[in-house]
Amino acid sequence: MKEMLIGGTVVVAVGLSVFFAPEMNFGTMERVDPANGPLYSLSPAEVSQKLTGAPIPAGAGPFGTLDVKVISRKDGVVRYQASGSHARISCKASVLQARSDAIQVVTACDRAAPSDGAAASVGTQITENAFNELVHSTLQGRAYDSAKVQMQNSGTVMKNLPQMQKDALKMHGEMNKMAQEMDEAYQDSEDRAWLEGDVSDY
């Protein structure tokens, strides 16, 4: 009985390890990291062509109402430069050779928006969520899924909420300190002016 229980446990463990393990091509023992996104049977040139030729969702997606330029100077690497009066965003989609017969496309973004304040890192993650969906919806020939992005963004905000609160308190304290230092500097200049007889009321 003991041996049967142990044997059953081993079978279950092996089954789970196979189920949760990264995809593997057993012919070549090539491992695929699912964190890098789905597999595509596309060449780097085809990826560049699809991404540079696709329209950018107006008012939605990662760039909102910013002016966007899409550039690909190298097959398999596509850069998006977006700018406006309130923000500047730079994103990149790059081909990764996941297997000998398939690729993945990884995405990354940088964002500079003064209005983000203490939530700057979260703003960047939200932009990356939207850009990732833009790239993969384009490559898969489907509509941009705003609902999916909104769900991802909600998770991002909740995950980062404690740090956002800490950053906001820190920023508030720094602003108060700066205001106090400016007041003290102004008072010192007034005192010096009075001592030197430069104040017109005296």
N, C-alpha and C. Protein backbone atom coordinates (compact mmCIF):
# COMPACT_ATOMS: atom_id res chain seq x y z
N MET A 1 0.83 -1.20 0.00
CA MET A 1 0.00 0.00 0.00
C MET A 1 0.87 1.26 0.00
N LYS A 2 1.91 1.22 0.83
CA LYS A 2 2.82 2.35 0.91
C LYS A 2 3.48 2.60 -0.44
N GLU A 3 3.90 1.50 -1.11
CA GLU A 3 4.54 1.64 -2.40
C GLU A 3 3.58 2.20 -3.44
N MET A 4 2.29 1.82 -3.35
CA MET A 4 1.30 2.34 -4.29
C MET A 4 1.10 3.84 -4.12
N LEU A 5 1.06 4.29 -2.84
CA LEU A 5 0.90 5.72 -2.57
C LEU A 5 2.09 6.51 -3.10
N ILE A 6 3.29 6.00 -2.86
CA ILE A 6 4.50 6.68 -3.34
C ILE A 6 4.51 6.73 -4.86
N GLY A 7 4.15 5.58 -5.48
CA GLY A 7 4.13 5.53 -6.94
C GLY A 7 3.13 6.50 -7.52
N GLY A 8 1.95 6.59 -6.89
CA GLY A 8 0.93 7.52 -7.36
C GLY A 8 1.38 8.96 -7.24
N THR A 9 2.07 9.28 -6.14
CA THR A 9 2.57 10.63 -5.94
C THR A 9 3.59 11.01 -7.01
N VAL A 10 4.46 10.07 -7.35
CA VAL A 10 5.47 10.32 -8.38
C VAL A 10 4.81 10.57 -9.73
N VAL A 11 3.79 9.77 -10.06
CA VAL A 11 3.10 9.94 -11.33
C VAL A 11 2.46 11.32 -11.41
N VAL A 12 1.80 11.75 -10.32
CA VAL A 12 1.15 13.06 -10.30
C VAL A 12 2.19 14.15 -10.45
N ALA A 13 3.32 14.02 -9.73
CA ALA A 13 4.37 15.03 -9.79
C ALA A 13 4.94 15.15 -11.19
N VAL A 14 5.17 14.02 -11.83
CA VAL A 14 5.69 14.04 -13.19
C VAL A 14 4.69 14.67 -14.14
N GLY A 15 3.42 14.34 -13.97
CA GLY A 15 2.39 14.92 -14.82
C GLY A 15 2.32 16.42 -14.68
N LEU A 16 2.39 16.93 -13.45
CA LEU A 16 2.36 18.37 -13.22
C LEU A 16 3.58 19.05 -13.80
N SER A 17 4.73 18.41 -13.68
CA SER A 17 5.95 19.03 -14.20
C SER A 17 5.88 19.16 -15.71
N VAL A 18 5.29 18.18 -16.37
CA VAL A 18 5.13 18.25 -17.82
C VAL A 18 4.13 19.33 -18.21
N PHE A 19 3.05 19.44 -17.42
CA PHE A 19 1.98 20.39 -17.73
C PHE A 19 2.47 21.83 -17.60
N PHE A 20 3.25 22.13 -16.53
CA PHE A 20 3.67 23.49 -16.28
C PHE A 20 5.03 23.84 -16.86
N ALA A 21 5.73 22.88 -17.40
CA ALA A 21 7.05 23.16 -17.95
C ALA A 21 6.94 24.01 -19.20
N PRO A 22 7.97 24.86 -19.48
CA PRO A 22 7.97 25.64 -20.72
C PRO A 22 7.93 24.73 -21.93
N GLU A 23 7.34 25.23 -23.02
CA GLU A 23 7.23 24.44 -24.23
C GLU A 23 8.62 24.02 -24.71
N MET A 24 8.74 22.80 -25.18
CA MET A 24 10.03 22.28 -25.59
C MET A 24 9.88 21.50 -26.89
N ASN A 25 10.81 21.70 -27.78
CA ASN A 25 10.88 20.94 -29.01
C ASN A 25 11.77 19.73 -28.73
N PHE A 26 11.18 18.55 -28.57
CA PHE A 26 11.94 17.39 -28.14
C PHE A 26 12.90 16.90 -29.22
N GLY A 27 12.70 17.32 -30.47
CA GLY A 27 13.64 16.93 -31.51
C GLY A 27 14.98 17.60 -31.34
N THR A 28 14.95 18.87 -30.84
CA THR A 28 16.20 19.62 -30.69
C THR A 28 16.45 20.04 -29.25
N MET A 29 15.52 19.71 -28.33
CA MET A 29 15.62 20.10 -26.92
C MET A 29 15.69 21.62 -26.76
N GLU A 30 14.96 22.35 -27.62
CA GLU A 30 14.93 23.81 -27.53
C GLU A 30 13.82 24.22 -26.57
N ARG A 31 14.17 24.98 -25.55
CA ARG A 31 13.19 25.45 -24.58
C ARG A 31 12.65 26.82 -25.00
N VAL A 32 11.36 27.03 -24.76
CA VAL A 32 10.71 28.29 -25.11
C VAL A 32 10.21 28.95 -23.84
N ASP A 33 10.57 30.20 -23.64
CA ASP A 33 10.13 30.95 -22.46
C ASP A 33 8.78 31.59 -22.76
N PRO A 34 7.70 31.17 -22.09
CA PRO A 34 6.37 31.74 -22.37
C PRO A 34 6.27 33.21 -22.00
N ALA A 35 7.18 33.69 -21.14
CA ALA A 35 7.14 35.10 -20.76
C ALA A 35 7.43 36.01 -21.95
N ASN A 36 8.05 35.47 -22.99
CA ASN A 36 8.37 36.26 -24.18
C ASN A 36 7.24 36.29 -25.20
N GLY A 37 6.09 35.70 -24.86
CA GLY A 37 4.95 35.79 -25.74
C GLY A 37 4.77 34.56 -26.62
N PRO A 38 3.77 34.61 -27.50
CA PRO A 38 3.45 33.45 -28.35
C PRO A 38 4.49 33.22 -29.43
N LEU A 39 4.44 32.04 -30.01
CA LEU A 39 5.33 31.69 -31.11
C LEU A 39 4.72 32.11 -32.45
N TYR A 40 5.58 32.52 -33.37
CA TYR A 40 5.14 32.90 -34.71
C TYR A 40 6.02 32.21 -35.75
N SER A 41 5.39 31.80 -36.83
CA SER A 41 6.14 31.26 -37.97
C SER A 41 6.32 32.38 -38.98
N LEU A 42 7.05 33.40 -38.58
CA LEU A 42 7.29 34.56 -39.42
C LEU A 42 8.79 34.83 -39.48
N SER A 43 9.22 35.44 -40.56
CA SER A 43 10.61 35.88 -40.65
C SER A 43 10.73 37.27 -40.02
N PRO A 44 11.93 37.69 -39.62
CA PRO A 44 12.10 39.05 -39.09
C PRO A 44 11.60 40.12 -40.07
N ALA A 45 11.84 39.91 -41.36
CA ALA A 45 11.38 40.88 -42.36
C ALA A 45 9.85 40.97 -42.38
N GLU A 46 9.16 39.85 -42.23
CA GLU A 46 7.69 39.85 -42.21
C GLU A 46 7.16 40.55 -40.97
N VAL A 47 7.84 40.39 -39.84
CA VAL A 47 7.42 41.09 -38.63
C VAL A 47 7.54 42.60 -38.84
N SER A 48 8.67 43.05 -39.37
CA SER A 48 8.85 44.48 -39.63
C SER A 48 7.79 45.00 -40.59
N GLN A 49 7.50 44.24 -41.62
CA GLN A 49 6.52 44.67 -42.61
C GLN A 49 5.13 44.79 -42.00
N LYS A 50 4.73 43.82 -41.21
CA LYS A 50 3.40 43.85 -40.60
C LYS A 50 3.26 45.02 -39.62
N LEU A 51 4.28 45.24 -38.81
CA LEU A 51 4.18 46.28 -37.77
C LEU A 51 4.28 47.68 -38.36
N THR A 52 5.17 47.88 -39.31
CA THR A 52 5.30 49.22 -39.89
C THR A 52 4.12 49.57 -40.80
N GLY A 53 3.44 48.56 -41.32
CA GLY A 53 2.33 48.82 -42.23
C GLY A 53 0.98 48.91 -41.56
N ALA A 54 0.93 48.64 -40.27
CA ALA A 54 -0.37 48.63 -39.57
C ALA A 54 -0.72 50.02 -39.03
N PRO A 55 -2.00 50.39 -39.06
CA PRO A 55 -2.42 51.68 -38.50
C PRO A 55 -2.34 51.66 -36.98
N ILE A 56 -2.08 52.82 -36.38
CA ILE A 56 -2.06 52.96 -34.92
C ILE A 56 -3.46 53.32 -34.46
N PRO A 57 -4.02 52.62 -33.46
CA PRO A 57 -5.37 52.96 -32.97
C PRO A 57 -5.45 54.42 -32.52
N ALA A 58 -6.34 55.18 -33.10
CA ALA A 58 -6.48 56.60 -32.77
C ALA A 58 -7.12 56.77 -31.40
N GLY A 59 -6.45 57.49 -30.51
CA GLY A 59 -6.99 57.77 -29.19
C GLY A 59 -6.96 56.60 -28.24
N ALA A 60 -6.50 55.45 -28.69
CA ALA A 60 -6.43 54.28 -27.81
C ALA A 60 -5.03 53.70 -27.91
N GLY A 61 -4.84 52.56 -27.30
CA GLY A 61 -3.54 51.93 -27.37
C GLY A 61 -2.53 52.63 -26.48
N PRO A 62 -1.26 52.35 -26.70
CA PRO A 62 -0.23 52.86 -25.80
C PRO A 62 0.10 54.34 -25.98
N PHE A 63 -0.30 54.94 -27.12
CA PHE A 63 0.17 56.28 -27.43
C PHE A 63 -0.90 57.37 -27.34
N GLY A 64 -2.16 56.98 -27.14
CA GLY A 64 -3.21 57.97 -27.00
C GLY A 64 -3.27 58.91 -28.19
N THR A 65 -3.18 60.22 -27.91
CA THR A 65 -3.25 61.23 -28.97
C THR A 65 -1.88 61.75 -29.39
N LEU A 66 -0.82 61.10 -28.94
CA LEU A 66 0.53 61.54 -29.30
C LEU A 66 0.81 61.30 -30.78
N ASP A 67 1.71 62.09 -31.33
CA ASP A 67 2.17 61.87 -32.70
C ASP A 67 3.16 60.70 -32.70
N VAL A 68 2.95 59.74 -33.58
CA VAL A 68 3.74 58.50 -33.56
C VAL A 68 4.48 58.31 -34.88
N LYS A 69 5.76 57.95 -34.76
CA LYS A 69 6.56 57.55 -35.91
C LYS A 69 6.99 56.10 -35.71
N VAL A 70 6.81 55.28 -36.74
CA VAL A 70 7.20 53.86 -36.67
C VAL A 70 8.36 53.64 -37.64
N ILE A 71 9.46 53.14 -37.12
CA ILE A 71 10.69 53.00 -37.91
C ILE A 71 11.26 51.60 -37.75
N SER A 72 11.72 51.03 -38.85
CA SER A 72 12.42 49.74 -38.80
C SER A 72 13.64 49.83 -39.72
N ARG A 73 14.80 50.07 -39.12
CA ARG A 73 16.05 50.15 -39.89
C ARG A 73 16.73 48.79 -39.99
N LYS A 74 16.22 47.82 -39.26
CA LYS A 74 16.78 46.48 -39.28
C LYS A 74 15.64 45.49 -39.21
N ASP A 75 15.65 44.47 -40.05
CA ASP A 75 14.58 43.47 -40.04
C ASP A 75 14.45 42.85 -38.66
N GLY A 76 13.21 42.85 -38.16
CA GLY A 76 12.95 42.24 -36.87
C GLY A 76 13.07 43.18 -35.70
N VAL A 77 13.40 44.44 -35.93
CA VAL A 77 13.46 45.45 -34.87
C VAL A 77 12.65 46.66 -35.33
N VAL A 78 11.57 46.94 -34.61
CA VAL A 78 10.69 48.04 -34.98
C VAL A 78 10.58 48.99 -33.79
N ARG A 79 10.85 50.27 -34.04
CA ARG A 79 10.81 51.29 -32.99
C ARG A 79 9.63 52.23 -33.21
N TYR A 80 9.01 52.60 -32.11
CA TYR A 80 7.89 53.54 -32.11
C TYR A 80 8.31 54.75 -31.28
N GLN A 81 8.29 55.93 -31.91
CA GLN A 81 8.61 57.17 -31.22
C GLN A 81 7.35 58.03 -31.17
N ALA A 82 6.86 58.30 -29.96
CA ALA A 82 5.64 59.08 -29.80
C ALA A 82 5.94 60.30 -28.93
N SER A 83 5.43 61.45 -29.34
CA SER A 83 5.70 62.67 -28.57
C SER A 83 4.52 63.63 -28.67
N GLY A 84 4.45 64.50 -27.67
CA GLY A 84 3.41 65.50 -27.61
C GLY A 84 3.72 66.47 -26.49
N SER A 85 2.80 67.38 -26.21
CA SER A 85 3.05 68.40 -25.19
C SER A 85 3.07 67.83 -23.77
N HIS A 86 2.46 66.65 -23.58
CA HIS A 86 2.33 66.13 -22.22
C HIS A 86 3.11 64.85 -21.97
N ALA A 87 3.73 64.27 -22.99
CA ALA A 87 4.45 63.01 -22.77
C ALA A 87 5.36 62.69 -23.94
N ARG A 88 6.32 61.82 -23.66
CA ARG A 88 7.19 61.28 -24.71
C ARG A 88 7.37 59.79 -24.43
N ILE A 89 7.10 58.97 -25.45
CA ILE A 89 7.15 57.50 -25.28
C ILE A 89 8.02 56.90 -26.37
N SER A 90 8.86 55.97 -25.98
CA SER A 90 9.69 55.23 -26.93
C SER A 90 9.49 53.74 -26.67
N CYS A 91 9.07 53.01 -27.70
CA CYS A 91 8.84 51.57 -27.55
C CYS A 91 9.58 50.82 -28.65
N LYS A 92 9.86 49.55 -28.35
CA LYS A 92 10.58 48.72 -29.33
C LYS A 92 10.02 47.31 -29.32
N ALA A 93 9.83 46.75 -30.51
CA ALA A 93 9.46 45.35 -30.68
C ALA A 93 10.62 44.65 -31.36
N SER A 94 11.10 43.55 -30.76
CA SER A 94 12.28 42.87 -31.28
C SER A 94 12.01 41.38 -31.45
N VAL A 95 12.49 40.84 -32.57
CA VAL A 95 12.34 39.41 -32.83
C VAL A 95 13.37 38.62 -32.03
N LEU A 96 12.90 37.56 -31.39
CA LEU A 96 13.76 36.63 -30.66
C LEU A 96 13.62 35.26 -31.31
N GLN A 97 14.72 34.67 -31.70
CA GLN A 97 14.68 33.33 -32.31
C GLN A 97 14.47 32.31 -31.21
N ALA A 98 13.20 31.93 -31.00
CA ALA A 98 12.86 31.03 -29.90
C ALA A 98 13.22 29.59 -30.21
N ARG A 99 13.01 29.18 -31.46
CA ARG A 99 13.35 27.84 -31.93
C ARG A 99 13.87 27.95 -33.35
N SER A 100 14.35 26.87 -33.87
CA SER A 100 14.85 26.90 -35.23
C SER A 100 13.73 27.14 -36.24
N ASP A 101 12.49 26.85 -35.84
CA ASP A 101 11.37 26.98 -36.75
C ASP A 101 10.34 28.01 -36.29
N ALA A 102 10.66 28.81 -35.26
CA ALA A 102 9.68 29.77 -34.76
C ALA A 102 10.38 30.92 -34.03
N ILE A 103 9.69 32.05 -34.00
CA ILE A 103 10.21 33.23 -33.31
C ILE A 103 9.22 33.69 -32.24
N GLN A 104 9.70 34.55 -31.37
CA GLN A 104 8.85 35.32 -30.47
C GLN A 104 9.18 36.79 -30.67
N VAL A 105 8.28 37.66 -30.27
CA VAL A 105 8.50 39.10 -30.39
C VAL A 105 8.37 39.71 -29.01
N VAL A 106 9.46 40.25 -28.50
CA VAL A 106 9.48 40.85 -27.17
C VAL A 106 9.34 42.36 -27.29
N THR A 107 8.71 42.96 -26.30
CA THR A 107 8.42 44.39 -26.34
C THR A 107 8.96 45.08 -25.10
N ALA A 108 9.25 46.38 -25.24
CA ALA A 108 9.72 47.19 -24.12
C ALA A 108 9.43 48.66 -24.43
N CYS A 109 9.21 49.44 -23.36
CA CYS A 109 8.90 50.86 -23.54
C CYS A 109 9.59 51.71 -22.47
N ASP A 110 9.88 52.96 -22.86
CA ASP A 110 10.29 54.01 -21.92
C ASP A 110 9.28 55.13 -22.05
N ARG A 111 8.98 55.76 -20.91
CA ARG A 111 7.94 56.80 -20.91
C ARG A 111 8.39 57.96 -20.04
N ALA A 112 8.20 59.17 -20.53
CA ALA A 112 8.49 60.38 -19.76
C ALA A 112 7.26 61.28 -19.81
N ALA A 113 6.59 61.39 -18.67
CA ALA A 113 5.38 62.21 -18.59
C ALA A 113 5.38 62.90 -17.22
N PRO A 114 5.61 64.22 -17.17
CA PRO A 114 5.66 64.92 -15.88
C PRO A 114 4.43 64.71 -15.02
N SER A 115 3.28 64.50 -15.64
CA SER A 115 2.04 64.34 -14.87
C SER A 115 1.99 63.02 -14.11
N ASP A 116 2.86 62.07 -14.46
CA ASP A 116 2.84 60.77 -13.77
C ASP A 116 3.27 60.89 -12.32
N GLY A 117 4.19 61.80 -12.05
CA GLY A 117 4.64 62.00 -10.67
C GLY A 117 5.14 60.73 -10.02
N ALA A 118 4.58 60.43 -8.83
CA ALA A 118 5.01 59.25 -8.08
C ALA A 118 4.63 57.95 -8.77
N ALA A 119 3.74 58.03 -9.75
CA ALA A 119 3.29 56.82 -10.44
C ALA A 119 4.04 56.60 -11.75
N ALA A 120 5.24 57.16 -11.89
CA ALA A 120 5.97 57.07 -13.15
C ALA A 120 6.25 55.63 -13.57
N SER A 121 6.69 54.80 -12.64
CA SER A 121 7.01 53.41 -12.99
C SER A 121 5.75 52.65 -13.39
N VAL A 122 4.63 52.94 -12.72
CA VAL A 122 3.37 52.29 -13.07
C VAL A 122 2.91 52.77 -14.45
N GLY A 123 3.09 54.05 -14.73
CA GLY A 123 2.74 54.57 -16.05
C GLY A 123 3.49 53.86 -17.15
N THR A 124 4.77 53.57 -16.90
CA THR A 124 5.57 52.85 -17.90
C THR A 124 5.06 51.43 -18.09
N GLN A 125 4.71 50.76 -16.99
CA GLN A 125 4.20 49.39 -17.08
C GLN A 125 2.86 49.35 -17.83
N ILE A 126 2.02 50.35 -17.58
CA ILE A 126 0.72 50.42 -18.27
C ILE A 126 0.93 50.63 -19.77
N THR A 127 1.89 51.49 -20.11
CA THR A 127 2.22 51.70 -21.52
C THR A 127 2.73 50.41 -22.15
N GLU A 128 3.56 49.68 -21.43
CA GLU A 128 4.09 48.41 -21.94
C GLU A 128 2.98 47.38 -22.15
N ASN A 129 2.00 47.35 -21.24
CA ASN A 129 0.86 46.44 -21.41
C ASN A 129 0.13 46.74 -22.72
N ALA A 130 -0.13 48.02 -22.95
CA ALA A 130 -0.86 48.42 -24.15
C ALA A 130 -0.04 48.18 -25.41
N PHE A 131 1.25 48.46 -25.34
CA PHE A 131 2.11 48.26 -26.52
C PHE A 131 2.24 46.78 -26.86
N ASN A 132 2.38 45.95 -25.85
CA ASN A 132 2.47 44.51 -26.06
C ASN A 132 1.21 43.99 -26.78
N GLU A 133 0.05 44.47 -26.36
CA GLU A 133 -1.20 44.07 -27.02
C GLU A 133 -1.27 44.61 -28.45
N LEU A 134 -0.80 45.83 -28.66
CA LEU A 134 -0.79 46.39 -30.00
C LEU A 134 0.06 45.53 -30.95
N VAL A 135 1.23 45.15 -30.51
CA VAL A 135 2.14 44.36 -31.35
C VAL A 135 1.54 42.99 -31.66
N HIS A 136 1.06 42.29 -30.63
CA HIS A 136 0.59 40.93 -30.87
C HIS A 136 -0.76 40.88 -31.59
N SER A 137 -1.61 41.86 -31.33
CA SER A 137 -2.88 41.89 -32.09
C SER A 137 -2.60 42.15 -33.57
N THR A 138 -1.59 42.97 -33.84
CA THR A 138 -1.22 43.25 -35.23
C THR A 138 -0.66 42.00 -35.91
N LEU A 139 0.26 41.33 -35.23
CA LEU A 139 0.88 40.14 -35.82
C LEU A 139 -0.13 39.00 -35.99
N GLN A 140 -1.14 38.96 -35.11
CA GLN A 140 -2.14 37.89 -35.19
C GLN A 140 -3.33 38.27 -36.06
N GLY A 141 -3.34 39.49 -36.59
CA GLY A 141 -4.40 39.90 -37.49
C GLY A 141 -5.76 40.03 -36.83
N ARG A 142 -5.78 40.46 -35.57
CA ARG A 142 -7.05 40.63 -34.87
C ARG A 142 -7.17 42.06 -34.35
N ALA A 143 -8.36 42.39 -33.83
CA ALA A 143 -8.59 43.73 -33.30
C ALA A 143 -7.85 43.93 -31.98
N TYR A 144 -7.46 45.17 -31.72
CA TYR A 144 -6.83 45.54 -30.46
C TYR A 144 -7.82 45.33 -29.33
N ASP A 145 -7.43 44.58 -28.29
CA ASP A 145 -8.33 44.20 -27.19
C ASP A 145 -8.18 45.17 -26.02
N SER A 146 -8.97 46.23 -26.02
CA SER A 146 -8.89 47.23 -24.95
C SER A 146 -9.28 46.65 -23.60
N ALA A 147 -10.27 45.76 -23.57
CA ALA A 147 -10.73 45.17 -22.31
C ALA A 147 -9.60 44.36 -21.65
N LYS A 148 -8.87 43.62 -22.46
CA LYS A 148 -7.74 42.84 -21.94
C LYS A 148 -6.70 43.75 -21.32
N VAL A 149 -6.38 44.85 -22.00
CA VAL A 149 -5.38 45.79 -21.50
C VAL A 149 -5.86 46.43 -20.20
N GLN A 150 -7.14 46.79 -20.14
CA GLN A 150 -7.67 47.40 -18.92
C GLN A 150 -7.56 46.46 -17.73
N MET A 151 -7.82 45.18 -17.94
CA MET A 151 -7.68 44.20 -16.87
C MET A 151 -6.22 44.10 -16.43
N GLN A 152 -5.29 44.07 -17.38
CA GLN A 152 -3.88 44.02 -17.05
C GLN A 152 -3.46 45.28 -16.28
N ASN A 153 -3.96 46.42 -16.71
CA ASN A 153 -3.60 47.68 -16.05
C ASN A 153 -4.13 47.74 -14.62
N SER A 154 -5.33 47.21 -14.41
CA SER A 154 -5.88 47.16 -13.04
C SER A 154 -5.00 46.31 -12.14
N GLY A 155 -4.54 45.18 -12.67
CA GLY A 155 -3.64 44.33 -11.90
C GLY A 155 -2.32 45.02 -11.62
N THR A 156 -1.82 45.77 -12.58
CA THR A 156 -0.56 46.50 -12.40
C THR A 156 -0.70 47.55 -11.30
N VAL A 157 -1.80 48.29 -11.31
CA VAL A 157 -2.02 49.33 -10.30
C VAL A 157 -2.14 48.72 -8.90
N MET A 158 -2.94 47.65 -8.77
CA MET A 158 -3.11 47.02 -7.47
C MET A 158 -1.79 46.45 -6.94
N LYS A 159 -1.01 45.87 -7.83
CA LYS A 159 0.27 45.30 -7.43
C LYS A 159 1.23 46.37 -6.93
N ASN A 160 1.18 47.54 -7.54
CA ASN A 160 2.12 48.60 -7.22
C ASN A 160 1.56 49.65 -6.26
N LEU A 161 0.32 49.47 -5.81
CA LEU A 161 -0.32 50.48 -4.97
C LEU A 161 0.46 50.81 -3.70
N PRO A 162 0.95 49.82 -2.93
CA PRO A 162 1.72 50.17 -1.72
C PRO A 162 2.95 51.03 -2.02
N GLN A 163 3.67 50.69 -3.08
CA GLN A 163 4.86 51.47 -3.44
C GLN A 163 4.47 52.86 -3.94
N MET A 164 3.35 52.95 -4.67
CA MET A 164 2.88 54.24 -5.15
C MET A 164 2.55 55.16 -3.98
N GLN A 165 1.93 54.60 -2.93
CA GLN A 165 1.60 55.39 -1.75
C GLN A 165 2.86 55.88 -1.05
N LYS A 166 3.85 54.99 -0.96
CA LYS A 166 5.13 55.39 -0.33
C LYS A 166 5.81 56.49 -1.14
N ASP A 167 5.81 56.32 -2.46
CA ASP A 167 6.45 57.32 -3.32
C ASP A 167 5.73 58.66 -3.23
N ALA A 168 4.39 58.62 -3.15
CA ALA A 168 3.61 59.86 -3.06
C ALA A 168 3.91 60.58 -1.75
N LEU A 169 3.99 59.84 -0.65
CA LEU A 169 4.31 60.45 0.64
C LEU A 169 5.72 61.04 0.63
N LYS A 170 6.65 60.31 0.01
CA LYS A 170 8.03 60.79 -0.07
C LYS A 170 8.10 62.07 -0.89
N MET A 171 7.38 62.09 -2.03
CA MET A 171 7.38 63.27 -2.88
C MET A 171 6.74 64.46 -2.16
N HIS A 172 5.66 64.18 -1.42
CA HIS A 172 4.99 65.24 -0.66
C HIS A 172 5.95 65.84 0.37
N GLY A 173 6.67 64.97 1.06
CA GLY A 173 7.63 65.44 2.06
C GLY A 173 8.74 66.26 1.43
N GLU A 174 9.24 65.82 0.26
CA GLU A 174 10.31 66.55 -0.43
C GLU A 174 9.83 67.92 -0.90
N MET A 175 8.58 67.99 -1.38
CA MET A 175 8.03 69.26 -1.82
C MET A 175 7.86 70.22 -0.65
N ASN A 176 7.39 69.69 0.49
CA ASN A 176 7.25 70.54 1.68
C ASN A 176 8.60 71.06 2.15
N LYS A 177 9.60 70.18 2.10
CA LYS A 177 10.95 70.59 2.51
C LYS A 177 11.49 71.66 1.57
N MET A 178 11.25 71.49 0.27
CA MET A 178 11.72 72.47 -0.70
C MET A 178 11.04 73.82 -0.49
N ALA A 179 9.72 73.78 -0.22
CA ALA A 179 8.99 75.03 0.02
C ALA A 179 9.50 75.72 1.28
N GLN A 180 9.79 74.93 2.31
CA GLN A 180 10.31 75.50 3.56
C GLN A 180 11.68 76.14 3.34
N GLU A 181 12.53 75.47 2.57
CA GLU A 181 13.86 76.01 2.29
C GLU A 181 13.76 77.30 1.48
N MET A 182 12.81 77.37 0.55
CA MET A 182 12.63 78.59 -0.23
C MET A 182 12.14 79.73 0.65
N ASP A 183 11.23 79.42 1.57
CA ASP A 183 10.74 80.44 2.50
C ASP A 183 11.87 80.95 3.39
N GLU A 184 12.69 80.02 3.87
CA GLU A 184 13.82 80.41 4.73
C GLU A 184 14.82 81.26 3.97
N ALA A 185 15.08 80.88 2.70
CA ALA A 185 16.03 81.64 1.88
C ALA A 185 15.49 83.05 1.62
N TYR A 186 14.20 83.15 1.37
CA TYR A 186 13.59 84.47 1.14
C TYR A 186 13.65 85.32 2.40
N GLN A 187 13.37 84.71 3.56
CA GLN A 187 13.42 85.45 4.82
C GLN A 187 14.84 85.91 5.12
N ASP A 188 15.82 85.07 4.82
CA ASP A 188 17.22 85.45 5.03
C ASP A 188 17.59 86.65 4.16
N SER A 189 17.13 86.64 2.90
CA SER A 189 17.45 87.77 2.02
C SER A 189 16.78 89.05 2.51
N GLU A 190 15.57 88.93 3.04
CA GLU A 190 14.88 90.09 3.59
C GLU A 190 15.62 90.64 4.80
N ASP A 191 16.07 89.71 5.66
CA ASP A 191 16.81 90.13 6.86
C ASP A 191 18.11 90.82 6.49
N ARG A 192 18.82 90.28 5.50
CA ARG A 192 20.08 90.89 5.08
C ARG A 192 19.85 92.28 4.49
N ALA A 193 18.77 92.39 3.69
CA ALA A 193 18.45 93.68 3.09
C ALA A 193 18.13 94.71 4.16
N TRP A 194 17.43 94.29 5.18
CA TRP A 194 17.07 95.22 6.27
C TRP A 194 18.32 95.67 7.02
N LEU A 195 19.23 94.70 7.31
CA LEU A 195 20.45 95.02 8.02
C LEU A 195 21.35 95.96 7.21
N GLU A 196 21.31 95.78 5.89
CA GLU A 196 22.15 96.63 5.04
C GLU A 196 21.48 97.94 4.67
N GLY A 197 20.26 98.18 5.15
CA GLY A 197 19.56 99.42 4.90
C GLY A 197 19.02 99.55 3.49
N ASP A 198 18.76 98.39 2.83
CA ASP A 198 18.27 98.43 1.45
C ASP A 198 16.77 98.36 1.34
N VAL A 199 16.07 98.26 2.47
CA VAL A 199 14.61 98.20 2.43
C VAL A 199 14.06 99.59 2.43
N SER A 200 13.22 99.92 1.47
CA SER A 200 12.77 101.30 1.27
C SER A 200 11.92 101.82 2.43
N ASP A 201 11.31 100.92 3.22
CA ASP A 201 10.43 101.38 4.31
C ASP A 201 11.22 101.89 5.49
N TYR A 202 12.53 101.71 5.47
CA TYR A 202 13.33 102.14 6.64
C TYR A 202 14.29 103.23 6.24
